């Protein structure tokens, strides 16, 4: 009798363990693969590029094989590639880039207003097609060529989201500030400081010819912020007035690539599951 009781207890423990593993496995799964919510600024100039990030369960066979956006025929995407692997999910990315189109030779890029994109058309590996939200992408279709007053001569960036851009001031200017469509949305999650030589610049500020400007940028996003898993690609504008009193802009690309921890992914999965309940 005692042996039979112990045998049944072992069976109960095994069944409970098996059921617990199934529950834990299901609780750690995304309801479906999806793109992260991005903040992207990009120009339609040939060669300009950006990244889209897609997250799916490790065993998900339904992955994007091609992406397109209506109204942007010159936009092309490289094939999807693995970016990071976690316990139950994988993070993928696609690189989008603009190729020269036949219209580039005839019409200048400054004639059209910016496009705001919130979703993309996707062909999946299982033969299905659908529309997927990507957050917010602004495509600028303006001529961003600056005057000869300021020229950028170097830039650097690192995986932690910090970057530096350096400029040469060829003619006297009044530097007025830095702008982007996402500055207010990012708030304290994006910081910058501008220096002339080693001196910090308080804007607006008059800068003399022959000076060197350096702009330091960072994304100090805490792990518990909703922006932690949000990829950001900005086209910052250094705004200034030249000697003739004409308003000018110097464009600078900067980006924050997501580099989440397992904990951040687990919390993201929980949030996605709650949104589907």
C-alpha atoms as a PDB file:
ATOM      1  CA  UNK A   1       0.000   0.000   0.000  1.00  0.00           C
ATOM      2  CA  UNK A   2       2.780   2.376   0.959  1.00  0.00           C
ATOM      3  CA  UNK A   3       4.633   1.626  -2.307  1.00  0.00           C
ATOM      4  CA  UNK A   4       1.480   2.293  -4.298  1.00  0.00           C
ATOM      5  CA  UNK A   5       0.983   5.599  -2.454  1.00  0.00           C
ATOM      6  CA  UNK A   6       4.565   6.694  -3.159  1.00  0.00           C
ATOM      7  CA  UNK A   7       4.149   5.689  -6.797  1.00  0.00           C
ATOM      8  CA  UNK A   8       1.031   7.824  -7.140  1.00  0.00           C
ATOM      9  CA  UNK A   9       2.781  10.745  -5.461  1.00  0.00           C
ATOM     10  CA  UNK A  10       5.623  10.519  -7.972  1.00  0.00           C
ATOM     11  CA  UNK A  11       3.088  10.513 -10.814  1.00  0.00           C
ATOM     12  CA  UNK A  12       1.311  13.544  -9.337  1.00  0.00           C
ATOM     13  CA  UNK A  13       4.608  15.439  -8.955  1.00  0.00           C
ATOM     14  CA  UNK A  14       5.645  14.607 -12.516  1.00  0.00           C
ATOM     15  CA  UNK A  15       2.278  15.653 -13.931  1.00  0.00           C
ATOM     16  CA  UNK A  16       2.336  18.891 -11.915  1.00  0.00           C
ATOM     17  CA  UNK A  17       5.869  19.625 -13.074  1.00  0.00           C
ATOM     18  CA  UNK A  18       4.909  18.897 -16.674  1.00  0.00           C
ATOM     19  CA  UNK A  19       1.838  21.119 -16.422  1.00  0.00           C
ATOM     20  CA  UNK A  20       3.907  23.864 -14.796  1.00  0.00           C
ATOM     21  CA  UNK A  21       6.471  23.742 -17.572  1.00  0.00           C
ATOM     22  CA  UNK A  22       3.727  24.003 -20.188  1.00  0.00           C
ATOM     23  CA  UNK A  23       2.197  26.982 -18.383  1.00  0.00           C
ATOM     24  CA  UNK A  24       5.581  28.713 -18.011  1.00  0.00           C
ATOM     25  CA  UNK A  25       6.348  28.063 -21.669  1.00  0.00           C
ATOM     26  CA  UNK A  26       3.047  29.555 -22.805  1.00  0.00           C
ATOM     27  CA  UNK A  27       3.338  32.492 -20.386  1.00  0.00           C
ATOM     28  CA  UNK A  28       6.683  33.439 -21.916  1.00  0.00           C
ATOM     29  CA  UNK A  29       5.440  33.405 -25.511  1.00  0.00           C
ATOM     30  CA  UNK A  30       4.456  36.414 -27.567  1.00  0.00           C
ATOM     31  CA  UNK A  31       0.891  36.249 -28.881  1.00  0.00           C
ATOM     32  CA  UNK A  32       2.372  36.908 -32.339  1.00  0.00           C
ATOM     33  CA  UNK A  33       5.500  38.261 -33.996  1.00  0.00           C
ATOM     34  CA  UNK A  34       5.535  42.011 -34.493  1.00  0.00           C
ATOM     35  CA  UNK A  35       7.681  45.050 -35.192  1.00  0.00           C
ATOM     36  CA  UNK A  36       8.840  47.115 -32.263  1.00  0.00           C
ATOM     37  CA  UNK A  37       7.457  50.640 -31.948  1.00  0.00           C
ATOM     38  CA  UNK A  38       9.992  52.913 -33.655  1.00  0.00           C
ATOM     39  CA  UNK A  39      10.704  56.631 -33.776  1.00  0.00           C
ATOM     40  CA  UNK A  40      12.357  57.262 -37.155  1.00  0.00           C
ATOM     41  CA  UNK A  41      13.338  60.343 -39.090  1.00  0.00           C
ATOM     42  CA  UNK A  42      14.914  59.729 -42.486  1.00  0.00           C
ATOM     43  CA  UNK A  43      15.334  61.549 -45.782  1.00  0.00           C
ATOM     44  CA  UNK A  44      14.481  60.116 -49.178  1.00  0.00           C
ATOM     45  CA  UNK A  45      17.965  61.014 -50.428  1.00  0.00           C
ATOM     46  CA  UNK A  46      19.697  58.111 -52.213  1.00  0.00           C
ATOM     47  CA  UNK A  47      21.856  56.233 -49.715  1.00  0.00           C
ATOM     48  CA  UNK A  48      20.021  57.314 -46.573  1.00  0.00           C
ATOM     49  CA  UNK A  49      19.034  54.312 -44.442  1.00  0.00           C
ATOM     50  CA  UNK A  50      17.342  53.150 -41.232  1.00  0.00           C
ATOM     51  CA  UNK A  51      16.555  49.914 -39.390  1.00  0.00           C
ATOM     52  CA  UNK A  52      13.302  48.160 -38.519  1.00  0.00           C
ATOM     53  CA  UNK A  53      13.294  45.670 -35.638  1.00  0.00           C
ATOM     54  CA  UNK A  54      11.001  42.638 -35.505  1.00  0.00           C
ATOM     55  CA  UNK A  55      10.496  40.352 -32.484  1.00  0.00           C
ATOM     56  CA  UNK A  56       9.123  36.784 -32.630  1.00  0.00           C
ATOM     57  CA  UNK A  57       9.130  33.570 -30.626  1.00  0.00           C
ATOM     58  CA  UNK A  58      12.160  31.359 -31.212  1.00  0.00           C
ATOM     59  CA  UNK A  59      10.114  28.689 -32.989  1.00  0.00           C
ATOM     60  CA  UNK A  60       8.063  31.128 -35.075  1.00  0.00           C
ATOM     61  CA  UNK A  61       8.408  30.263 -38.760  1.00  0.00           C
ATOM     62  CA  UNK A  62       6.341  33.242 -39.939  1.00  0.00           C
ATOM     63  CA  UNK A  63       8.887  35.993 -40.530  1.00  0.00           C
ATOM     64  CA  UNK A  64       8.962  39.009 -42.857  1.00  0.00           C
ATOM     65  CA  UNK A  65      10.618  38.307 -46.203  1.00  0.00           C
ATOM     66  CA  UNK A  66       9.889  41.669 -47.839  1.00  0.00           C
ATOM     67  CA  UNK A  67       8.624  45.062 -46.719  1.00  0.00           C
ATOM     68  CA  UNK A  68       7.295  47.969 -48.754  1.00  0.00           C
ATOM     69  CA  UNK A  69       5.722  51.367 -48.111  1.00  0.00           C
ATOM     70  CA  UNK A  70       3.185  52.887 -50.461  1.00  0.00           C
ATOM     71  CA  UNK A  71       4.397  56.120 -51.998  1.00  0.00           C
ATOM     72  CA  UNK A  72       8.096  55.299 -51.547  1.00  0.00           C
ATOM     73  CA  UNK A  73       9.083  53.266 -54.633  1.00  0.00           C
ATOM     74  CA  UNK A  74      12.801  54.028 -54.158  1.00  0.00           C
ATOM     75  CA  UNK A  75      12.827  52.400 -50.692  1.00  0.00           C
ATOM     76  CA  UNK A  76      14.415  48.954 -50.594  1.00  0.00           C
ATOM     77  CA  UNK A  77      15.073  46.541 -47.732  1.00  0.00           C
ATOM     78  CA  UNK A  78      17.895  44.071 -47.268  1.00  0.00           C
ATOM     79  CA  UNK A  79      16.829  40.552 -46.160  1.00  0.00           C
ATOM     80  CA  UNK A  80      15.925  40.060 -42.507  1.00  0.00           C
ATOM     81  CA  UNK A  81      18.774  39.043 -40.186  1.00  0.00           C
ATOM     82  CA  UNK A  82      19.016  37.889 -36.558  1.00  0.00           C
ATOM     83  CA  UNK A  83      20.044  40.680 -34.196  1.00  0.00           C
ATOM     84  CA  UNK A  84      19.715  39.196 -30.680  1.00  0.00           C
ATOM     85  CA  UNK A  85      18.552  35.858 -29.233  1.00  0.00           C
ATOM     86  CA  UNK A  86      16.806  35.427 -25.883  1.00  0.00           C
ATOM     87  CA  UNK A  87      15.382  32.496 -23.927  1.00  0.00           C
ATOM     88  CA  UNK A  88      12.066  32.399 -25.774  1.00  0.00           C
ATOM     89  CA  UNK A  89      12.327  35.153 -28.406  1.00  0.00           C
ATOM     90  CA  UNK A  90      14.562  36.416 -31.161  1.00  0.00           C
ATOM     91  CA  UNK A  91      15.001  40.019 -32.229  1.00  0.00           C
ATOM     92  CA  UNK A  92      15.503  40.533 -35.955  1.00  0.00           C
ATOM     93  CA  UNK A  93      16.208  43.607 -38.036  1.00  0.00           C
ATOM     94  CA  UNK A  94      15.798  44.805 -41.588  1.00  0.00           C
ATOM     95  CA  UNK A  95      17.824  47.627 -43.077  1.00  0.00           C
ATOM     96  CA  UNK A  96      15.882  49.985 -45.321  1.00  0.00           C
ATOM     97  CA  UNK A  97      17.699  52.235 -47.793  1.00  0.00           C
ATOM     98  CA  UNK A  98      16.757  54.640 -50.547  1.00  0.00           C
ATOM     99  CA  UNK A  99      18.003  53.991 -54.054  1.00  0.00           C
ATOM    100  CA  UNK A 100      18.219  56.580 -56.843  1.00  0.00           C
ATOM    101  CA  UNK A 101      14.978  56.694 -58.818  1.00  0.00           C
ATOM    102  CA  UNK A 102      14.229  57.974 -62.310  1.00  0.00           C
ATOM    103  CA  UNK A 103      12.495  60.964 -60.786  1.00  0.00           C
ATOM    104  CA  UNK A 104      15.679  62.134 -59.062  1.00  0.00           C
ATOM    105  CA  UNK A 105      17.181  63.436 -62.286  1.00  0.00           C
ATOM    106  CA  UNK A 106      14.166  65.603 -63.153  1.00  0.00           C
ATOM    107  CA  UNK A 107      12.623  66.824 -59.907  1.00  0.00           C
ATOM    108  CA  UNK A 108      14.481  68.271 -56.912  1.00  0.00           C
ATOM    109  CA  UNK A 109      13.875  66.630 -53.557  1.00  0.00           C
ATOM    110  CA  UNK A 110      12.577  69.838 -52.000  1.00  0.00           C
ATOM    111  CA  UNK A 111       9.158  69.994 -53.675  1.00  0.00           C
ATOM    112  CA  UNK A 112       7.173  67.603 -51.459  1.00  0.00           C
ATOM    113  CA  UNK A 113       6.033  67.755 -47.841  1.00  0.00           C
ATOM    114  CA  UNK A 114       7.263  65.141 -45.343  1.00  0.00           C
ATOM    115  CA  UNK A 115       5.473  61.795 -45.200  1.00  0.00           C
ATOM    116  CA  UNK A 116       4.382  60.322 -41.864  1.00  0.00           C
ATOM    117  CA  UNK A 117       4.386  56.519 -41.912  1.00  0.00           C
ATOM    118  CA  UNK A 118       2.849  54.379 -39.164  1.00  0.00           C
ATOM    119  CA  UNK A 119       2.600  50.979 -40.852  1.00  0.00           C
ATOM    120  CA  UNK A 120       4.285  48.924 -43.562  1.00  0.00           C
ATOM    121  CA  UNK A 121       3.116  46.258 -45.998  1.00  0.00           C
ATOM    122  CA  UNK A 122       4.743  42.915 -45.253  1.00  0.00           C
ATOM    123  CA  UNK A 123       5.119  39.647 -47.147  1.00  0.00           C
ATOM    124  CA  UNK A 124       5.696  36.752 -44.747  1.00  0.00           C
ATOM    125  CA  UNK A 125       7.586  33.481 -45.151  1.00  0.00           C
ATOM    126  CA  UNK A 126       4.374  31.441 -44.881  1.00  0.00           C
ATOM    127  CA  UNK A 127       2.976  33.115 -48.019  1.00  0.00           C
ATOM    128  CA  UNK A 128       0.659  35.522 -46.215  1.00  0.00           C
ATOM    129  CA  UNK A 129       0.620  39.297 -46.569  1.00  0.00           C
ATOM    130  CA  UNK A 130      -0.417  41.907 -44.077  1.00  0.00           C
ATOM    131  CA  UNK A 131       0.000  45.406 -42.682  1.00  0.00           C
ATOM    132  CA  UNK A 132       2.056  45.887 -39.536  1.00  0.00           C
ATOM    133  CA  UNK A 133       2.425  48.886 -37.216  1.00  0.00           C
ATOM    134  CA  UNK A 134       5.988  50.168 -36.807  1.00  0.00           C
ATOM    135  CA  UNK A 135       5.450  53.204 -34.550  1.00  0.00           C
ATOM    136  CA  UNK A 136       6.135  56.509 -36.295  1.00  0.00           C
ATOM    137  CA  UNK A 137       8.419  57.275 -39.235  1.00  0.00           C
ATOM    138  CA  UNK A 138       8.805  60.699 -40.831  1.00  0.00           C
ATOM    139  CA  UNK A 139      10.320  60.788 -44.314  1.00  0.00           C
ATOM    140  CA  UNK A 140      11.681  64.214 -45.236  1.00  0.00           C
ATOM    141  CA  UNK A 141      11.628  65.103 -48.908  1.00  0.00           C
ATOM    142  CA  UNK A 142      13.429  68.425 -48.766  1.00  0.00           C
ATOM    143  CA  UNK A 143      16.803  69.692 -49.931  1.00  0.00           C
ATOM    144  CA  UNK A 144      18.946  69.784 -46.778  1.00  0.00           C
ATOM    145  CA  UNK A 145      22.069  71.170 -48.406  1.00  0.00           C
ATOM    146  CA  UNK A 146      23.527  73.773 -46.085  1.00  0.00           C
ATOM    147  CA  UNK A 147      25.394  76.953 -46.929  1.00  0.00           C
ATOM    148  CA  UNK A 148      29.177  77.143 -46.849  1.00  0.00           C
ATOM    149  CA  UNK A 149      29.111  78.671 -43.359  1.00  0.00           C
ATOM    150  CA  UNK A 150      29.298  75.349 -41.452  1.00  0.00           C
ATOM    151  CA  UNK A 151      30.615  72.013 -42.653  1.00  0.00           C
ATOM    152  CA  UNK A 152      30.645  68.668 -40.822  1.00  0.00           C
ATOM    153  CA  UNK A 153      33.998  66.953 -40.915  1.00  0.00           C
ATOM    154  CA  UNK A 154      33.731  63.995 -38.533  1.00  0.00           C
ATOM    155  CA  UNK A 155      31.297  61.892 -36.520  1.00  0.00           C
ATOM    156  CA  UNK A 156      31.408  58.829 -34.270  1.00  0.00           C
ATOM    157  CA  UNK A 157      28.922  56.667 -32.392  1.00  0.00           C
ATOM    158  CA  UNK A 158      28.889  53.706 -30.016  1.00  0.00           C
ATOM    159  CA  UNK A 159      26.526  50.857 -29.199  1.00  0.00           C
ATOM    160  CA  UNK A 160      25.386  52.542 -25.962  1.00  0.00           C
ATOM    161  CA  UNK A 161      23.651  55.285 -27.952  1.00  0.00           C
ATOM    162  CA  UNK A 162      26.240  58.017 -27.426  1.00  0.00           C
ATOM    163  CA  UNK A 163      27.570  59.894 -30.441  1.00  0.00           C
ATOM    164  CA  UNK A 164      29.633  62.931 -31.350  1.00  0.00           C
ATOM    165  CA  UNK A 165      29.567  65.191 -34.403  1.00  0.00           C
ATOM    166  CA  UNK A 166      32.224  67.790 -35.152  1.00  0.00           C
ATOM    167  CA  UNK A 167      31.938  70.827 -37.418  1.00  0.00           C
ATOM    168  CA  UNK A 168      34.085  73.576 -38.829  1.00  0.00           C
ATOM    169  CA  UNK A 169      32.701  77.126 -38.861  1.00  0.00           C
ATOM    170  CA  UNK A 170      33.940  78.712 -42.084  1.00  0.00           C
ATOM    171  CA  UNK A 171      32.023  81.992 -41.780  1.00  0.00           C
ATOM    172  CA  UNK A 172      30.543  83.787 -38.734  1.00  0.00           C
ATOM    173  CA  UNK A 173      27.139  82.402 -37.711  1.00  0.00           C
ATOM    174  CA  UNK A 174      24.525  82.689 -34.998  1.00  0.00           C
ATOM    175  CA  UNK A 175      23.779  79.167 -33.758  1.00  0.00           C
ATOM    176  CA  UNK A 176      20.155  79.092 -32.599  1.00  0.00           C
ATOM    177  CA  UNK A 177      19.511  75.540 -31.449  1.00  0.00           C
ATOM    178  CA  UNK A 178      18.895  71.914 -32.244  1.00  0.00           C
ATOM    179  CA  UNK A 179      15.602  70.535 -33.568  1.00  0.00           C
ATOM    180  CA  UNK A 180      13.938  67.216 -34.337  1.00  0.00           C
ATOM    181  CA  UNK A 181      10.343  66.044 -34.576  1.00  0.00           C
ATOM    182  CA  UNK A 182      10.964  63.751 -31.583  1.00  0.00           C
ATOM    183  CA  UNK A 183      12.766  65.975 -29.076  1.00  0.00           C
ATOM    184  CA  UNK A 184       9.649  66.729 -27.027  1.00  0.00           C
ATOM    185  CA  UNK A 185       8.514  63.104 -27.176  1.00  0.00           C
ATOM    186  CA  UNK A 186      11.866  61.805 -25.944  1.00  0.00           C
ATOM    187  CA  UNK A 187      12.219  64.454 -23.239  1.00  0.00           C
ATOM    188  CA  UNK A 188      15.011  63.566 -20.814  1.00  0.00           C
ATOM    189  CA  UNK A 189      15.631  60.310 -22.713  1.00  0.00           C
ATOM    190  CA  UNK A 190      17.755  62.333 -25.152  1.00  0.00           C
ATOM    191  CA  UNK A 191      20.443  64.782 -24.070  1.00  0.00           C
ATOM    192  CA  UNK A 192      22.997  66.888 -25.918  1.00  0.00           C
ATOM    193  CA  UNK A 193      25.583  69.584 -25.348  1.00  0.00           C
ATOM    194  CA  UNK A 194      27.414  71.820 -27.785  1.00  0.00           C
ATOM    195  CA  UNK A 195      31.016  73.011 -27.394  1.00  0.00           C
ATOM    196  CA  UNK A 196      33.241  75.531 -29.140  1.00  0.00           C
ATOM    197  CA  UNK A 197      36.676  74.145 -28.516  1.00  0.00           C
ATOM    198  CA  UNK A 198      36.444  73.100 -24.852  1.00  0.00           C
ATOM    199  CA  UNK A 199      33.892  75.734 -23.877  1.00  0.00           C
ATOM    200  CA  UNK A 200      30.231  74.841 -23.421  1.00  0.00           C
ATOM    201  CA  UNK A 201      27.896  76.876 -25.653  1.00  0.00           C
ATOM    202  CA  UNK A 202      24.704  78.433 -24.298  1.00  0.00           C
ATOM    203  CA  UNK A 203      22.276  78.871 -27.191  1.00  0.00           C
ATOM    204  CA  UNK A 204      21.681  81.093 -29.035  1.00  0.00           C
ATOM    205  CA  UNK A 205      25.322  82.024 -29.471  1.00  0.00           C
ATOM    206  CA  UNK A 206      27.470  83.853 -32.040  1.00  0.00           C
ATOM    207  CA  UNK A 207      30.309  81.684 -33.352  1.00  0.00           C
ATOM    208  CA  UNK A 208      33.262  83.190 -35.171  1.00  0.00           C
ATOM    209  CA  UNK A 209      34.885  81.948 -38.371  1.00  0.00           C
ATOM    210  CA  UNK A 210      37.585  79.324 -37.878  1.00  0.00           C
ATOM    211  CA  UNK A 211      35.949  77.867 -34.752  1.00  0.00           C
ATOM    212  CA  UNK A 212      35.431  74.157 -34.203  1.00  0.00           C
ATOM    213  CA  UNK A 213      32.013  72.966 -32.965  1.00  0.00           C
ATOM    214  CA  UNK A 214      31.420  69.592 -31.317  1.00  0.00           C
ATOM    215  CA  UNK A 215      28.023  68.149 -30.454  1.00  0.00           C
ATOM    216  CA  UNK A 216      27.769  65.333 -27.894  1.00  0.00           C
ATOM    217  CA  UNK A 217      24.528  63.327 -27.852  1.00  0.00           C
ATOM    218  CA  UNK A 218      23.218  60.507 -25.640  1.00  0.00           C
ATOM    219  CA  UNK A 219      20.098  58.437 -24.919  1.00  0.00           C
ATOM    220  CA  UNK A 220      20.060  57.923 -21.127  1.00  0.00           C
ATOM    221  CA  UNK A 221      16.970  55.709 -21.124  1.00  0.00           C
ATOM    222  CA  UNK A 222      16.359  53.825 -17.834  1.00  0.00           C
ATOM    223  CA  UNK A 223      15.464  50.101 -18.121  1.00  0.00           C
ATOM    224  CA  UNK A 224      11.972  50.675 -16.653  1.00  0.00           C
ATOM    225  CA  UNK A 225      11.086  53.306 -19.268  1.00  0.00           C
ATOM    226  CA  UNK A 226       8.631  52.550 -22.074  1.00  0.00           C
ATOM    227  CA  UNK A 227      11.308  53.940 -24.417  1.00  0.00           C
ATOM    228  CA  UNK A 228      13.823  51.245 -23.408  1.00  0.00           C
ATOM    229  CA  UNK A 229      12.741  48.913 -26.217  1.00  0.00           C
ATOM    230  CA  UNK A 230      12.028  51.711 -28.679  1.00  0.00           C
ATOM    231  CA  UNK A 231      14.508  52.111 -31.551  1.00  0.00           C
ATOM    232  CA  UNK A 232      15.205  55.736 -32.405  1.00  0.00           C
ATOM    233  CA  UNK A 233      16.729  57.167 -35.602  1.00  0.00           C
ATOM    234  CA  UNK A 234      16.749  60.958 -35.798  1.00  0.00           C
ATOM    235  CA  UNK A 235      17.865  63.505 -38.370  1.00  0.00           C
ATOM    236  CA  UNK A 236      18.810  66.328 -36.044  1.00  0.00           C
ATOM    237  CA  UNK A 237      19.005  69.848 -37.418  1.00  0.00           C
ATOM    238  CA  UNK A 238      21.605  72.286 -36.151  1.00  0.00           C
ATOM    239  CA  UNK A 239      19.841  75.577 -36.845  1.00  0.00           C
ATOM    240  CA  UNK A 240      21.809  78.756 -37.441  1.00  0.00           C
ATOM    241  CA  UNK A 241      21.708  82.131 -39.198  1.00  0.00           C
ATOM    242  CA  UNK A 242      24.464  83.034 -41.646  1.00  0.00           C
ATOM    243  CA  UNK A 243      26.085  86.437 -42.254  1.00  0.00           C
ATOM    244  CA  UNK A 244      23.314  87.417 -44.681  1.00  0.00           C
ATOM    245  CA  UNK A 245      20.665  86.755 -42.029  1.00  0.00           C
ATOM    246  CA  UNK A 246      19.377  83.640 -43.820  1.00  0.00           C
ATOM    247  CA  UNK A 247      18.152  80.757 -41.688  1.00  0.00           C
ATOM    248  CA  UNK A 248      20.148  77.575 -42.379  1.00  0.00           C
ATOM    249  CA  UNK A 249      20.157  73.990 -41.121  1.00  0.00           C
ATOM    250  CA  UNK A 250      22.907  71.390 -40.844  1.00  0.00           C
ATOM    251  CA  UNK A 251      21.533  67.841 -40.680  1.00  0.00           C
ATOM    252  CA  UNK A 252      23.074  65.158 -38.447  1.00  0.00           C
ATOM    253  CA  UNK A 253      21.943  61.525 -38.227  1.00  0.00           C
ATOM    254  CA  UNK A 254      21.923  59.921 -34.779  1.00  0.00           C
ATOM    255  CA  UNK A 255      20.289  56.722 -33.570  1.00  0.00           C
ATOM    256  CA  UNK A 256      19.625  54.490 -30.606  1.00  0.00           C
ATOM    257  CA  UNK A 257      19.659  50.774 -31.322  1.00  0.00           C
ATOM    258  CA  UNK A 258      17.797  48.631 -28.769  1.00  0.00           C
ATOM    259  CA  UNK A 259      20.021  46.347 -26.703  1.00  0.00           C
ATOM    260  CA  UNK A 260      17.533  44.821 -24.240  1.00  0.00           C
ATOM    261  CA  UNK A 261      18.206  42.448 -21.364  1.00  0.00           C
ATOM    262  CA  UNK A 262      16.328  39.183 -20.835  1.00  0.00           C
ATOM    263  CA  UNK A 263      14.364  40.937 -18.079  1.00  0.00           C
ATOM    264  CA  UNK A 264      13.297  43.719 -20.453  1.00  0.00           C
ATOM    265  CA  UNK A 265      12.158  41.160 -23.032  1.00  0.00           C
ATOM    266  CA  UNK A 266      10.181  39.251 -20.399  1.00  0.00           C
ATOM    267  CA  UNK A 267       8.395  42.446 -19.340  1.00  0.00           C
ATOM    268  CA  UNK A 268       7.718  43.306 -22.980  1.00  0.00           C
ATOM    269  CA  UNK A 269       6.162  39.869 -23.555  1.00  0.00           C
ATOM    270  CA  UNK A 270       3.974  40.277 -20.462  1.00  0.00           C
ATOM    271  CA  UNK A 271       2.748  43.655 -21.714  1.00  0.00           C
ATOM    272  CA  UNK A 272       1.946  42.222 -25.146  1.00  0.00           C
ATOM    273  CA  UNK A 273       0.029  39.326 -23.603  1.00  0.00           C
ATOM    274  CA  UNK A 274      -1.966  41.702 -21.391  1.00  0.00           C
ATOM    275  CA  UNK A 275      -2.885  43.841 -24.396  1.00  0.00           C
ATOM    276  CA  UNK A 276      -4.344  40.754 -26.101  1.00  0.00           C
ATOM    277  CA  UNK A 277      -6.504  39.686 -23.131  1.00  0.00           C
END
